[in-house]
Amino acid sequence: MIQIAIRNFCVGGKEVPAVTSLQIADSFCKNHKDVLRDIRVIIEKCSLEFTERNFALSEYGDSTGRKLPMYVMSKDGFGESNFGLSSY
């Protein structure tokens, strides 16, 4: 069983339990770029209201100091993503 540590992040203007796209990539042994692509596809299918409440584009610093994109997702955003049920 895959377990992901849920932490509080700011999503939709308030602090909520959430996970990052980096955590998802690591937990499911996927390339982060592929997880980002899949999240973007999911966001396109969701309403603007749902997206704003449950997905936040953020960034992280890699080992070379570059700032790269990542998403923060609330538990509802993660549930909508179905990462545990589809190709993941």
N, C-alpha and C. Protein backbone atom coordinates (compact mmCIF):
# COMPACT_ATOMS: atom_id res chain seq x y z
N MET A 1 0.83 -1.18 0.00
CA MET A 1 0.00 0.00 0.00
C MET A 1 0.88 1.24 0.00
N ILE A 2 0.57 2.19 -0.87
CA ILE A 2 1.33 3.43 -0.97
C ILE A 2 0.80 4.42 0.04
N GLN A 3 1.72 5.03 0.79
CA GLN A 3 1.34 6.06 1.75
C GLN A 3 2.09 7.34 1.42
N ILE A 4 1.36 8.44 1.47
CA ILE A 4 1.94 9.76 1.20
C ILE A 4 1.69 10.62 2.43
N ALA A 5 2.72 11.26 2.92
CA ALA A 5 2.59 12.13 4.08
C ALA A 5 1.85 13.41 3.69
N ILE A 6 0.74 13.64 4.33
CA ILE A 6 -0.06 14.83 4.06
C ILE A 6 0.38 15.93 5.03
N ARG A 7 0.65 17.11 4.47
CA ARG A 7 1.04 18.27 5.29
C ARG A 7 0.10 19.42 4.97
N ASN A 8 0.12 20.43 5.79
CA ASN A 8 -0.69 21.61 5.52
C ASN A 8 0.04 22.54 4.57
N PHE A 9 -0.66 22.93 3.50
CA PHE A 9 -0.15 23.88 2.51
C PHE A 9 -1.25 24.90 2.25
N CYS A 10 -0.86 26.03 1.67
CA CYS A 10 -1.84 27.03 1.27
C CYS A 10 -2.34 26.69 -0.13
N VAL A 11 -3.62 26.39 -0.23
CA VAL A 11 -4.27 26.09 -1.51
C VAL A 11 -5.57 26.87 -1.53
N GLY A 12 -5.81 27.61 -2.59
CA GLY A 12 -7.04 28.37 -2.70
C GLY A 12 -7.17 29.45 -1.63
N GLY A 13 -6.03 29.96 -1.16
CA GLY A 13 -6.05 31.04 -0.19
C GLY A 13 -6.21 30.63 1.25
N LYS A 14 -6.25 29.33 1.52
CA LYS A 14 -6.32 28.89 2.91
C LYS A 14 -5.45 27.66 3.12
N GLU A 15 -5.07 27.43 4.36
CA GLU A 15 -4.22 26.29 4.69
C GLU A 15 -5.08 25.04 4.82
N VAL A 16 -4.70 24.02 4.04
CA VAL A 16 -5.45 22.76 4.02
C VAL A 16 -4.48 21.58 3.97
N PRO A 17 -4.95 20.39 4.38
CA PRO A 17 -4.12 19.19 4.20
C PRO A 17 -3.92 18.95 2.70
N ALA A 18 -2.67 18.74 2.30
CA ALA A 18 -2.38 18.63 0.88
C ALA A 18 -1.11 17.82 0.63
N VAL A 19 -0.90 17.48 -0.63
CA VAL A 19 0.31 16.79 -1.08
C VAL A 19 0.87 17.54 -2.29
N THR A 20 2.13 17.30 -2.60
CA THR A 20 2.74 17.94 -3.76
C THR A 20 2.91 16.94 -4.91
N SER A 21 3.07 17.49 -6.09
CA SER A 21 3.33 16.64 -7.25
C SER A 21 4.65 15.89 -7.09
N LEU A 22 5.60 16.46 -6.37
CA LEU A 22 6.86 15.76 -6.11
C LEU A 22 6.63 14.52 -5.25
N GLN A 23 5.78 14.65 -4.24
CA GLN A 23 5.46 13.51 -3.38
C GLN A 23 4.79 12.40 -4.20
N ILE A 24 3.89 12.80 -5.08
CA ILE A 24 3.18 11.81 -5.90
C ILE A 24 4.17 11.09 -6.82
N ALA A 25 5.04 11.85 -7.47
CA ALA A 25 6.03 11.25 -8.36
C ALA A 25 6.91 10.27 -7.59
N ASP A 26 7.36 10.67 -6.43
CA ASP A 26 8.22 9.80 -5.62
C ASP A 26 7.47 8.56 -5.15
N SER A 27 6.27 8.74 -4.66
CA SER A 27 5.50 7.62 -4.10
C SER A 27 5.12 6.59 -5.15
N PHE A 28 4.85 7.05 -6.37
CA PHE A 28 4.43 6.14 -7.43
C PHE A 28 5.56 5.79 -8.40
N CYS A 29 6.79 6.21 -8.05
CA CYS A 29 7.98 5.92 -8.89
C CYS A 29 7.78 6.39 -10.33
N LYS A 30 7.30 7.63 -10.47
CA LYS A 30 7.07 8.23 -11.79
C LYS A 30 7.97 9.44 -11.97
N ASN A 31 8.21 9.82 -13.22
CA ASN A 31 8.94 11.05 -13.49
C ASN A 31 8.06 12.23 -13.13
N HIS A 32 8.65 13.22 -12.46
CA HIS A 32 7.87 14.38 -12.05
C HIS A 32 7.27 15.10 -13.24
N LYS A 33 7.99 15.17 -14.36
CA LYS A 33 7.45 15.85 -15.55
C LYS A 33 6.17 15.18 -16.04
N ASP A 34 6.10 13.85 -15.90
CA ASP A 34 4.89 13.13 -16.32
C ASP A 34 3.73 13.40 -15.37
N VAL A 35 4.02 13.50 -14.09
CA VAL A 35 2.98 13.83 -13.10
C VAL A 35 2.46 15.24 -13.36
N LEU A 36 3.37 16.19 -13.64
CA LEU A 36 2.94 17.56 -13.96
C LEU A 36 2.02 17.57 -15.18
N ARG A 37 2.39 16.82 -16.21
CA ARG A 37 1.58 16.74 -17.42
C ARG A 37 0.18 16.21 -17.10
N ASP A 38 0.13 15.15 -16.30
CA ASP A 38 -1.16 14.55 -15.96
C ASP A 38 -2.02 15.50 -15.12
N ILE A 39 -1.39 16.23 -14.23
CA ILE A 39 -2.14 17.20 -13.42
C ILE A 39 -2.71 18.29 -14.32
N ARG A 40 -1.94 18.76 -15.27
CA ARG A 40 -2.43 19.80 -16.18
C ARG A 40 -3.65 19.31 -16.97
N VAL A 41 -3.62 18.06 -17.40
CA VAL A 41 -4.75 17.48 -18.11
C VAL A 41 -5.98 17.44 -17.20
N ILE A 42 -5.78 17.04 -15.96
CA ILE A 42 -6.88 16.97 -14.99
C ILE A 42 -7.46 18.36 -14.75
N ILE A 43 -6.58 19.35 -14.59
CA ILE A 43 -7.04 20.73 -14.34
C ILE A 43 -7.89 21.23 -15.50
N GLU A 44 -7.51 20.89 -16.72
CA GLU A 44 -8.29 21.32 -17.89
C GLU A 44 -9.72 20.77 -17.86
N LYS A 45 -9.91 19.61 -17.24
CA LYS A 45 -11.22 18.96 -17.20
C LYS A 45 -12.08 19.43 -16.04
N CYS A 46 -11.48 20.08 -15.04
CA CYS A 46 -12.22 20.50 -13.84
C CYS A 46 -12.72 21.93 -14.01
N SER A 47 -13.74 22.26 -13.25
CA SER A 47 -14.23 23.63 -13.26
C SER A 47 -13.18 24.57 -12.67
N LEU A 48 -13.25 25.82 -13.05
CA LEU A 48 -12.32 26.83 -12.53
C LEU A 48 -12.44 26.93 -11.01
N GLU A 49 -13.66 26.89 -10.51
CA GLU A 49 -13.89 26.98 -9.07
C GLU A 49 -13.22 25.81 -8.33
N PHE A 50 -13.40 24.60 -8.83
CA PHE A 50 -12.78 23.43 -8.20
C PHE A 50 -11.26 23.53 -8.28
N THR A 51 -10.74 23.93 -9.44
CA THR A 51 -9.29 24.05 -9.62
C THR A 51 -8.70 25.06 -8.66
N GLU A 52 -9.31 26.21 -8.53
CA GLU A 52 -8.78 27.25 -7.65
C GLU A 52 -8.80 26.82 -6.18
N ARG A 53 -9.78 26.02 -5.79
CA ARG A 53 -9.88 25.56 -4.40
C ARG A 53 -8.94 24.40 -4.08
N ASN A 54 -8.52 23.66 -5.10
CA ASN A 54 -7.84 22.39 -4.84
C ASN A 54 -6.47 22.20 -5.49
N PHE A 55 -6.04 23.10 -6.36
CA PHE A 55 -4.73 22.99 -7.00
C PHE A 55 -4.03 24.33 -6.91
N ALA A 56 -2.76 24.32 -6.55
CA ALA A 56 -1.96 25.55 -6.53
C ALA A 56 -0.63 25.27 -7.22
N LEU A 57 -0.30 26.10 -8.20
CA LEU A 57 1.00 25.99 -8.84
C LEU A 57 2.02 26.63 -7.92
N SER A 58 3.11 25.94 -7.68
CA SER A 58 4.15 26.41 -6.79
C SER A 58 5.50 26.13 -7.44
N GLU A 59 6.56 26.23 -6.69
CA GLU A 59 7.88 25.89 -7.22
C GLU A 59 8.75 25.33 -6.10
N TYR A 60 9.80 24.66 -6.53
CA TYR A 60 10.77 24.11 -5.59
C TYR A 60 12.16 24.32 -6.18
N GLY A 61 13.17 24.26 -5.34
CA GLY A 61 14.55 24.37 -5.81
C GLY A 61 15.15 22.98 -5.96
N ASP A 62 15.73 22.71 -7.13
CA ASP A 62 16.37 21.40 -7.32
C ASP A 62 17.80 21.44 -6.78
N SER A 63 18.52 20.35 -6.97
CA SER A 63 19.86 20.23 -6.40
C SER A 63 20.86 21.21 -7.01
N THR A 64 20.55 21.77 -8.18
CA THR A 64 21.45 22.74 -8.80
C THR A 64 21.04 24.18 -8.51
N GLY A 65 19.95 24.35 -7.75
CA GLY A 65 19.49 25.68 -7.40
C GLY A 65 18.45 26.26 -8.34
N ARG A 66 18.10 25.50 -9.38
CA ARG A 66 17.05 25.98 -10.30
C ARG A 66 15.70 25.94 -9.61
N LYS A 67 14.83 26.88 -9.96
CA LYS A 67 13.46 26.86 -9.48
C LYS A 67 12.60 26.19 -10.54
N LEU A 68 11.92 25.13 -10.14
CA LEU A 68 11.11 24.35 -11.06
C LEU A 68 9.67 24.28 -10.57
N PRO A 69 8.71 24.06 -11.49
CA PRO A 69 7.30 24.04 -11.08
C PRO A 69 6.92 22.74 -10.36
N MET A 70 5.97 22.88 -9.48
CA MET A 70 5.32 21.73 -8.85
C MET A 70 3.90 22.18 -8.50
N TYR A 71 3.03 21.22 -8.32
CA TYR A 71 1.67 21.51 -7.89
C TYR A 71 1.49 21.06 -6.45
N VAL A 72 0.66 21.82 -5.74
CA VAL A 72 0.18 21.43 -4.42
C VAL A 72 -1.29 21.13 -4.60
N MET A 73 -1.73 19.97 -4.10
CA MET A 73 -3.13 19.56 -4.26
C MET A 73 -3.75 19.26 -2.91
N SER A 74 -4.96 19.75 -2.72
CA SER A 74 -5.71 19.40 -1.52
C SER A 74 -6.10 17.92 -1.62
N LYS A 75 -6.62 17.39 -0.53
CA LYS A 75 -7.05 15.98 -0.58
C LYS A 75 -8.14 15.78 -1.62
N ASP A 76 -9.01 16.79 -1.82
CA ASP A 76 -10.05 16.67 -2.85
C ASP A 76 -9.44 16.70 -4.25
N GLY A 77 -8.43 17.54 -4.46
CA GLY A 77 -7.74 17.58 -5.74
C GLY A 77 -7.03 16.27 -6.01
N PHE A 78 -6.39 15.74 -5.00
CA PHE A 78 -5.70 14.45 -5.14
C PHE A 78 -6.71 13.35 -5.45
N GLY A 79 -7.85 13.37 -4.76
CA GLY A 79 -8.89 12.37 -5.01
C GLY A 79 -9.43 12.45 -6.42
N GLU A 80 -9.61 13.65 -6.92
CA GLU A 80 -10.09 13.85 -8.28
C GLU A 80 -9.07 13.33 -9.29
N SER A 81 -7.82 13.38 -8.92
CA SER A 81 -6.75 12.96 -9.82
C SER A 81 -6.72 11.45 -10.04
N ASN A 82 -7.23 10.69 -9.08
CA ASN A 82 -7.25 9.23 -9.19
C ASN A 82 -5.88 8.63 -9.44
N PHE A 83 -4.84 9.21 -8.86
CA PHE A 83 -3.49 8.69 -9.08
C PHE A 83 -3.35 7.25 -8.61
N GLY A 84 -4.08 6.87 -7.60
CA GLY A 84 -3.97 5.52 -7.09
C GLY A 84 -4.77 4.50 -7.87
N LEU A 85 -5.61 4.97 -8.80
CA LEU A 85 -6.52 4.04 -9.47
C LEU A 85 -6.25 3.86 -10.95
N SER A 86 -5.61 4.83 -11.57
CA SER A 86 -5.43 4.74 -13.03
C SER A 86 -4.07 4.14 -13.37
N SER A 87 -3.33 4.81 -14.19
CA SER A 87 -2.04 4.28 -14.65
C SER A 87 -0.96 4.36 -13.59
N TYR A 88 -1.27 4.90 -12.45
CA TYR A 88 -0.28 5.03 -11.39
C TYR A 88 -0.42 3.85 -10.52
